[in-house]
């Protein structure tokens, strides 16, 4: 009977597990490349400990990473960029929220959820749920 190997994958010698860089590290990589144009992708893979495809993908989006404000702690430690799933609803809600704040109205989580469901109906979107998880992500 073969040995039990659940959860134990062998990594080939000379390779390492995939490493995810934070937004701050991606920004640093792009700034390093900008300031040191003689550095090629091979040098960057060694310096940051990631694969060539990762370096290539990050450098393709260099404008995005360089422009990001890492003084915001959430962005500094974040590793994945998950955009808004319901952009139309969230854009409309954001505009409404700006107007409400200009009028000094009190905005609670329940008010935001209710207004989001209102926009869902107006925009004829059927798959949206104004959950606590959605609200938390929207507030960020």
Protein backbone atom coordinates (compact mmCIF):
# COMPACT_ATOMS: atom_id res chain seq x y z
CA UNK A 1 0.00 0.00 0.00
CA UNK A 2 1.46 3.43 -0.96
CA UNK A 3 2.38 5.84 1.84
CA UNK A 4 -0.17 8.47 2.88
CA UNK A 5 0.80 11.78 1.25
CA UNK A 6 -2.17 13.97 2.04
CA UNK A 7 -1.22 17.62 2.17
CA UNK A 8 2.45 16.94 1.51
CA UNK A 9 3.44 18.10 -1.94
CA UNK A 10 7.06 17.92 -2.89
CA UNK A 11 8.53 21.09 -4.32
CA UNK A 12 11.10 20.51 -7.05
CA UNK A 13 14.66 21.33 -6.06
CA UNK A 14 15.71 24.83 -7.06
CA UNK A 15 12.15 26.13 -7.00
CA UNK A 16 10.12 27.60 -4.20
CA UNK A 17 6.49 27.96 -3.33
CA UNK A 18 4.69 30.85 -4.98
CA UNK A 19 5.08 34.06 -3.00
CA UNK A 20 2.48 36.84 -2.96
CA UNK A 21 3.75 40.38 -2.71
CA UNK A 22 1.83 43.05 -0.83
CA UNK A 23 0.79 46.26 -2.59
CA UNK A 24 3.73 48.02 -0.89
CA UNK A 25 6.17 45.40 -2.20
CA UNK A 26 4.72 45.65 -5.72
CA UNK A 27 5.13 49.41 -5.58
CA UNK A 28 8.71 48.97 -4.38
CA UNK A 29 9.45 46.56 -7.26
CA UNK A 30 8.09 49.03 -9.85
CA UNK A 31 9.98 51.95 -8.32
CA UNK A 32 13.16 49.86 -8.17
CA UNK A 33 12.84 49.02 -11.88
CA UNK A 34 12.14 52.68 -12.71
CA UNK A 35 15.17 53.87 -10.73
CA UNK A 36 17.42 51.02 -11.98
CA UNK A 37 16.55 50.51 -15.66
CA UNK A 38 19.54 48.21 -16.17
CA UNK A 39 17.90 45.64 -13.86
CA UNK A 40 16.22 42.96 -15.95
CA UNK A 41 13.45 40.57 -14.93
CA UNK A 42 15.97 37.94 -13.89
CA UNK A 43 17.56 40.37 -11.42
CA UNK A 44 14.14 41.34 -10.06
CA UNK A 45 13.10 37.71 -9.57
CA UNK A 46 16.17 37.16 -7.41
CA UNK A 47 15.85 40.43 -5.49
CA UNK A 48 12.16 39.97 -4.63
CA UNK A 49 12.06 36.16 -4.52
CA UNK A 50 9.26 35.75 -7.05
CA UNK A 51 8.86 34.14 -10.47
CA UNK A 52 9.40 35.79 -13.86
CA UNK A 53 5.69 35.69 -14.77
CA UNK A 54 4.88 37.52 -11.52
CA UNK A 55 7.49 40.20 -12.26
CA UNK A 56 6.16 40.57 -15.80
CA UNK A 57 2.55 40.92 -14.63
CA UNK A 58 3.46 43.49 -11.96
CA UNK A 59 5.52 45.55 -14.42
CA UNK A 60 2.66 45.52 -16.95
CA UNK A 61 0.57 47.30 -14.31
CA UNK A 62 3.41 49.52 -13.06
CA UNK A 63 1.40 52.76 -13.37
CA UNK A 64 -1.26 51.32 -11.06
CA UNK A 65 1.28 50.17 -8.46
CA UNK A 66 3.38 53.35 -8.51
CA UNK A 67 0.31 55.56 -8.06
CA UNK A 68 -1.04 53.60 -5.08
CA UNK A 69 -0.88 55.36 -1.70
CA UNK A 70 0.71 52.93 0.74
CA UNK A 71 0.44 55.34 3.67
CA UNK A 72 -3.06 53.86 3.96
CA UNK A 73 -2.41 50.77 6.13
CA UNK A 74 -5.09 48.71 4.35
CA UNK A 75 -3.31 49.12 1.01
CA UNK A 76 0.13 48.60 2.49
CA UNK A 77 -0.57 45.05 3.70
CA UNK A 78 -3.15 44.07 1.08
CA UNK A 79 -2.07 41.43 -1.44
CA UNK A 80 -5.04 41.04 -3.77
CA UNK A 81 -7.00 43.66 -5.67
CA UNK A 82 -10.59 42.57 -5.68
CA UNK A 83 -12.62 45.19 -7.45
CA UNK A 84 -16.26 46.01 -6.90
CA UNK A 85 -18.57 43.22 -8.02
CA UNK A 86 -21.57 45.52 -8.42
CA UNK A 87 -19.90 48.64 -9.75
CA UNK A 88 -23.12 50.32 -10.93
CA UNK A 89 -24.82 49.97 -7.55
CA UNK A 90 -21.73 51.02 -5.62
CA UNK A 91 -21.08 54.05 -7.85
CA UNK A 92 -24.68 55.23 -7.48
CA UNK A 93 -24.56 54.62 -3.73
CA UNK A 94 -21.28 56.51 -3.42
CA UNK A 95 -22.73 59.54 -5.26
CA UNK A 96 -25.84 59.45 -3.07
CA UNK A 97 -23.65 59.17 0.03
CA UNK A 98 -21.62 62.26 -0.96
CA UNK A 99 -24.83 64.25 -1.42
CA UNK A 100 -26.22 63.03 1.92
CA UNK A 101 -22.99 63.95 3.73
CA UNK A 102 -23.07 67.41 2.14
CA UNK A 103 -26.53 67.84 3.70
CA UNK A 104 -25.17 66.64 7.08
CA UNK A 105 -27.44 63.59 7.11
CA UNK A 106 -26.61 60.65 9.38
CA UNK A 107 -25.74 57.55 7.39
CA UNK A 108 -25.84 54.16 9.11
CA UNK A 109 -25.05 50.72 7.75
CA UNK A 110 -28.76 49.89 7.55
CA UNK A 111 -29.41 53.08 5.57
CA UNK A 112 -26.63 52.16 3.13
CA UNK A 113 -28.01 48.63 2.71
CA UNK A 114 -31.53 49.93 2.14
CA UNK A 115 -30.36 52.50 -0.40
CA UNK A 116 -28.23 49.86 -2.18
CA UNK A 117 -31.29 47.59 -2.51
CA UNK A 118 -33.21 50.59 -3.85
CA UNK A 119 -30.52 51.11 -6.52
CA UNK A 120 -30.58 47.37 -7.27
CA UNK A 121 -34.27 47.65 -8.16
CA UNK A 122 -33.81 50.84 -10.19
CA UNK A 123 -30.87 49.37 -12.12
CA UNK A 124 -32.70 46.04 -12.62
CA UNK A 125 -29.92 43.95 -11.10
CA UNK A 126 -31.22 40.70 -9.66
CA UNK A 127 -28.24 38.92 -8.10
CA UNK A 128 -27.25 41.59 -5.54
CA UNK A 129 -27.53 41.00 -1.78
CA UNK A 130 -26.84 43.83 0.66
CA UNK A 131 -25.05 41.62 3.20
CA UNK A 132 -22.88 42.68 6.13
CA UNK A 133 -19.84 41.41 4.22
CA UNK A 134 -20.71 43.52 1.18
CA UNK A 135 -21.21 46.55 3.44
CA UNK A 136 -17.83 46.07 5.11
CA UNK A 137 -16.07 45.92 1.73
CA UNK A 138 -18.03 48.93 0.44
CA UNK A 139 -16.99 51.03 3.44
CA UNK A 140 -13.31 50.39 2.66
